[in-house]
Structure formats: C-alpha cells, structure tokens
N, C-alpha and C. Protein backbone atom coordinates (compact mmCIF):
# COMPACT_ATOMS: atom_id res chain seq x y z
N UNK A 1 -10.98 7.17 7.23
CA UNK A 1 -9.75 7.17 6.42
C UNK A 1 -9.89 8.48 5.33
N UNK A 2 -8.72 8.96 5.08
CA UNK A 2 -8.76 9.96 4.18
C UNK A 2 -7.70 9.65 3.06
N UNK A 3 -7.79 10.49 1.87
CA UNK A 3 -6.82 10.24 0.85
C UNK A 3 -5.64 11.20 1.14
N UNK A 4 -4.48 10.89 0.90
CA UNK A 4 -3.27 11.70 1.06
C UNK A 4 -2.45 11.76 -0.21
N UNK A 5 -2.39 12.84 -0.76
CA UNK A 5 -1.55 13.04 -2.03
C UNK A 5 -0.08 13.30 -1.67
N UNK A 6 0.23 14.15 -0.63
CA UNK A 6 1.47 14.78 -0.36
C UNK A 6 1.62 14.59 1.15
N UNK A 7 2.87 14.32 1.52
CA UNK A 7 3.24 14.00 2.95
C UNK A 7 2.98 15.27 3.67
N UNK A 8 3.14 16.29 3.09
CA UNK A 8 2.99 17.58 3.88
C UNK A 8 1.30 17.76 4.47
N UNK A 9 0.54 16.98 3.82
CA UNK A 9 -0.93 17.03 4.40
C UNK A 9 -0.89 16.31 5.81
N UNK A 10 0.12 15.52 6.10
CA UNK A 10 0.19 14.82 7.42
C UNK A 10 0.84 15.72 8.53
N UNK A 11 0.45 15.41 9.79
CA UNK A 11 0.92 16.07 10.99
C UNK A 11 2.21 15.35 11.40
N UNK A 12 3.08 15.83 12.12
CA UNK A 12 4.13 15.12 12.56
C UNK A 12 3.71 13.87 13.45
N UNK A 13 2.73 14.03 14.19
CA UNK A 13 1.96 13.04 14.95
C UNK A 13 1.57 11.81 14.13
N UNK A 14 0.95 12.18 13.04
CA UNK A 14 0.36 11.25 12.01
C UNK A 14 1.55 10.40 11.44
N UNK A 15 2.69 11.13 11.04
CA UNK A 15 3.87 10.39 10.57
C UNK A 15 4.53 9.59 11.50
N UNK A 16 4.63 9.92 12.72
CA UNK A 16 5.28 9.16 13.83
C UNK A 16 4.39 7.82 13.98
N UNK A 17 3.08 7.98 13.86
CA UNK A 17 2.19 6.92 14.05
C UNK A 17 2.52 5.86 12.87
N UNK A 18 2.52 6.43 11.73
CA UNK A 18 2.80 5.60 10.55
C UNK A 18 4.05 4.93 10.56
N UNK A 19 5.15 5.38 11.01
CA UNK A 19 6.23 4.83 11.08
C UNK A 19 6.32 3.75 12.26
N UNK A 20 5.69 4.03 13.29
CA UNK A 20 5.55 3.09 14.56
C UNK A 20 4.77 1.89 14.01
N UNK A 21 3.73 2.09 13.19
CA UNK A 21 3.02 0.91 12.79
C UNK A 21 3.79 0.15 11.75
N UNK A 22 4.76 0.70 10.93
CA UNK A 22 5.53 0.13 10.05
C UNK A 22 6.43 -0.64 10.71
N UNK A 23 7.02 -0.29 11.73
CA UNK A 23 7.94 -0.86 12.43
C UNK A 23 7.47 -2.21 13.14
N UNK A 24 6.21 -2.06 13.65
CA UNK A 24 5.45 -3.02 14.25
C UNK A 24 5.07 -4.29 13.32
N UNK A 25 4.82 -3.85 12.08
CA UNK A 25 4.58 -4.74 10.91
C UNK A 25 5.78 -5.57 10.54
N UNK A 26 6.94 -4.83 10.56
CA UNK A 26 8.23 -5.54 10.17
C UNK A 26 8.55 -6.63 11.40
N UNK A 27 8.40 -6.12 12.63
CA UNK A 27 8.58 -7.02 13.88
C UNK A 27 7.60 -8.08 13.89
N UNK A 28 6.27 -7.89 13.64
CA UNK A 28 5.29 -8.82 13.93
C UNK A 28 4.44 -9.05 12.71
N UNK A 29 4.97 -9.54 11.73
CA UNK A 29 4.24 -9.69 10.44
C UNK A 29 2.93 -10.69 10.49
N UNK A 30 3.08 -11.72 11.36
CA UNK A 30 1.89 -12.50 11.59
C UNK A 30 0.77 -11.81 12.13
N UNK A 31 0.85 -10.77 12.95
CA UNK A 31 -0.05 -10.06 13.51
C UNK A 31 -0.97 -9.31 12.60
N UNK A 32 -0.29 -8.89 11.36
CA UNK A 32 -0.96 -8.27 10.33
C UNK A 32 -1.45 -8.96 9.08
N UNK A 33 -1.21 -10.53 9.25
CA UNK A 33 -1.25 -11.24 8.11
C UNK A 33 -2.69 -11.17 7.40
N UNK A 34 -3.76 -10.92 8.15
CA UNK A 34 -5.09 -10.86 7.78
C UNK A 34 -5.85 -9.42 7.80
N UNK A 35 -5.03 -8.44 7.97
CA UNK A 35 -5.50 -6.95 8.23
C UNK A 35 -6.39 -6.62 7.12
N UNK A 36 -5.96 -6.95 5.84
CA UNK A 36 -6.71 -6.59 4.64
C UNK A 36 -7.55 -7.68 3.87
N UNK A 37 -7.87 -8.65 4.82
CA UNK A 37 -8.67 -9.77 4.36
C UNK A 37 -10.09 -9.01 3.77
N UNK A 38 -10.36 -9.54 2.64
CA UNK A 38 -11.60 -8.86 1.97
C UNK A 38 -11.44 -7.71 1.36
N UNK A 39 -10.38 -7.07 1.36
CA UNK A 39 -10.33 -5.77 0.71
C UNK A 39 -9.40 -6.07 -0.68
N UNK A 40 -9.75 -5.13 -1.44
CA UNK A 40 -8.93 -5.08 -2.71
C UNK A 40 -8.17 -3.84 -2.94
N UNK A 41 -7.03 -3.81 -3.61
CA UNK A 41 -6.22 -2.66 -3.86
C UNK A 41 -6.09 -2.67 -5.52
N UNK A 42 -6.56 -1.49 -5.94
CA UNK A 42 -6.47 -1.38 -7.47
C UNK A 42 -5.25 -0.47 -7.68
N UNK A 43 -4.40 -0.88 -8.54
CA UNK A 43 -3.15 -0.07 -8.90
C UNK A 43 -3.11 0.23 -10.32
N UNK A 44 -2.75 1.54 -10.61
CA UNK A 44 -2.46 2.02 -11.85
C UNK A 44 -1.36 3.08 -11.71
N UNK A 45 -0.20 2.68 -12.23
CA UNK A 45 0.77 3.46 -12.21
C UNK A 45 1.03 4.33 -13.55
N UNK A 46 1.36 5.49 -13.73
CA UNK A 46 1.47 6.30 -14.76
C UNK A 46 2.99 6.32 -15.34
N UNK A 47 3.85 5.96 -14.64
CA UNK A 47 5.24 5.70 -15.06
C UNK A 47 5.59 4.28 -14.73
N UNK A 48 6.30 3.80 -15.81
CA UNK A 48 6.58 2.40 -15.70
C UNK A 48 7.61 2.09 -14.57
N UNK A 49 7.12 1.13 -13.60
CA UNK A 49 8.08 0.94 -12.56
C UNK A 49 7.66 -0.49 -12.06
N UNK A 50 8.17 -1.52 -12.45
CA UNK A 50 8.04 -2.85 -11.99
C UNK A 50 8.11 -2.96 -10.70
N UNK A 51 9.42 -2.58 -10.17
CA UNK A 51 9.78 -2.57 -8.67
C UNK A 51 8.62 -2.03 -7.67
N UNK A 52 8.28 -0.92 -8.05
CA UNK A 52 7.28 -0.11 -7.26
C UNK A 52 5.99 -1.04 -7.34
N UNK A 53 5.41 -1.28 -8.47
CA UNK A 53 4.13 -2.03 -8.71
C UNK A 53 4.30 -3.35 -7.89
N UNK A 54 5.36 -4.03 -8.12
CA UNK A 54 5.43 -5.38 -7.26
C UNK A 54 5.50 -5.18 -5.73
N UNK A 55 6.14 -4.11 -5.42
CA UNK A 55 6.27 -3.76 -3.95
C UNK A 55 4.82 -3.54 -3.28
N UNK A 56 4.00 -2.73 -3.95
CA UNK A 56 2.68 -2.49 -3.58
C UNK A 56 1.83 -3.77 -3.55
N UNK A 57 2.03 -4.54 -4.69
CA UNK A 57 1.33 -5.77 -4.73
C UNK A 57 1.58 -6.85 -3.58
N UNK A 58 2.89 -6.96 -3.42
CA UNK A 58 3.45 -7.77 -2.41
C UNK A 58 3.04 -7.44 -1.13
N UNK A 59 3.00 -6.15 -0.75
CA UNK A 59 2.52 -5.74 0.60
C UNK A 59 1.08 -5.98 0.79
N UNK A 60 0.15 -5.79 -0.20
CA UNK A 60 -1.20 -6.06 -0.06
C UNK A 60 -1.28 -7.68 0.01
N UNK A 61 -0.91 -8.34 -0.75
CA UNK A 61 -0.93 -9.79 -0.43
C UNK A 61 -0.38 -10.30 0.90
N UNK A 62 0.69 -9.66 1.46
CA UNK A 62 1.25 -10.10 2.75
C UNK A 62 0.26 -9.61 3.80
N UNK A 63 -0.68 -8.75 3.58
CA UNK A 63 -1.75 -8.28 4.57
C UNK A 63 -3.00 -9.00 4.35
N UNK A 64 -2.99 -10.09 3.42
CA UNK A 64 -4.19 -10.83 3.19
C UNK A 64 -5.27 -10.35 2.21
N UNK A 65 -4.81 -9.43 1.49
CA UNK A 65 -5.78 -8.64 0.57
C UNK A 65 -5.50 -9.28 -0.84
N UNK A 66 -6.29 -8.63 -1.93
CA UNK A 66 -6.22 -8.98 -3.27
C UNK A 66 -5.83 -7.66 -3.99
N UNK A 67 -5.34 -7.98 -5.22
CA UNK A 67 -4.89 -6.88 -5.98
C UNK A 67 -5.43 -6.85 -7.34
N UNK A 68 -5.88 -5.76 -7.93
CA UNK A 68 -6.43 -5.53 -9.27
C UNK A 68 -5.43 -4.66 -9.88
N UNK A 69 -4.76 -4.99 -10.85
CA UNK A 69 -3.83 -4.06 -11.55
C UNK A 69 -3.96 -3.91 -13.07
N UNK A 70 -3.51 -2.84 -13.62
CA UNK A 70 -3.41 -2.58 -14.93
C UNK A 70 -1.79 -2.78 -15.39
N UNK A 71 -1.74 -3.31 -16.47
CA UNK A 71 -0.27 -3.60 -16.87
C UNK A 71 0.34 -2.39 -17.22
N UNK A 72 -0.23 -1.25 -17.69
CA UNK A 72 0.32 -0.06 -18.01
C UNK A 72 -0.69 1.03 -18.23
N UNK A 73 -0.18 2.42 -18.23
CA UNK A 73 -1.25 3.53 -18.50
C UNK A 73 -1.85 3.46 -19.80
N UNK A 74 -1.36 2.77 -20.72
CA UNK A 74 -2.01 2.80 -22.06
C UNK A 74 -3.17 1.99 -22.20
N UNK A 75 -3.54 1.19 -21.29
CA UNK A 75 -4.69 0.44 -21.38
C UNK A 75 -5.92 1.05 -20.54
N UNK A 76 -5.71 2.26 -20.04
CA UNK A 76 -6.76 3.02 -19.35
C UNK A 76 -6.91 4.18 -19.81
N UNK A 77 -8.28 4.67 -19.95
CA UNK A 77 -8.50 6.17 -20.39
C UNK A 77 -8.47 7.23 -19.31
C-alpha cells in the first residue's frame, strides 16, 4: 500500500478499481464489516470540518476499525 496525496498519482485502472470497490461496499456492507478489525485510523484535519471528520470516522467504524482523532489543529504541533 502506498500513500496518495493527489488523485493524479493514480492510474485510470486504479481509479476504476476504487470506484468498483466503493460500489461493492455500498451494495454489500456486511461483507466489509470487519475489513479494518484491529486497525486504527488517526485523523487530524487542518481546516475545521465536522462533516468531513465524522464521515471519515463513521466509515472506519463501519469497517470494524478504531479512530484516534484530534479535536482541532491547535492541539498538535
């Protein structure tokens, strides 16, 4: 697995694969309910966005993982 900062770093085939996987998750959520079991997601958003933060956290929880978050960028150096 690699880090991706910009969508232009992905090939068309990789984007198609991501979209297909997203569609499968929507259609078969139970199939993915434990995919992130034992994994942690750390979130730190530099712009305040409750909706974005909660969306990321809800997605991780729906996949069976855990979330570590910062309340805002002011609490981290």
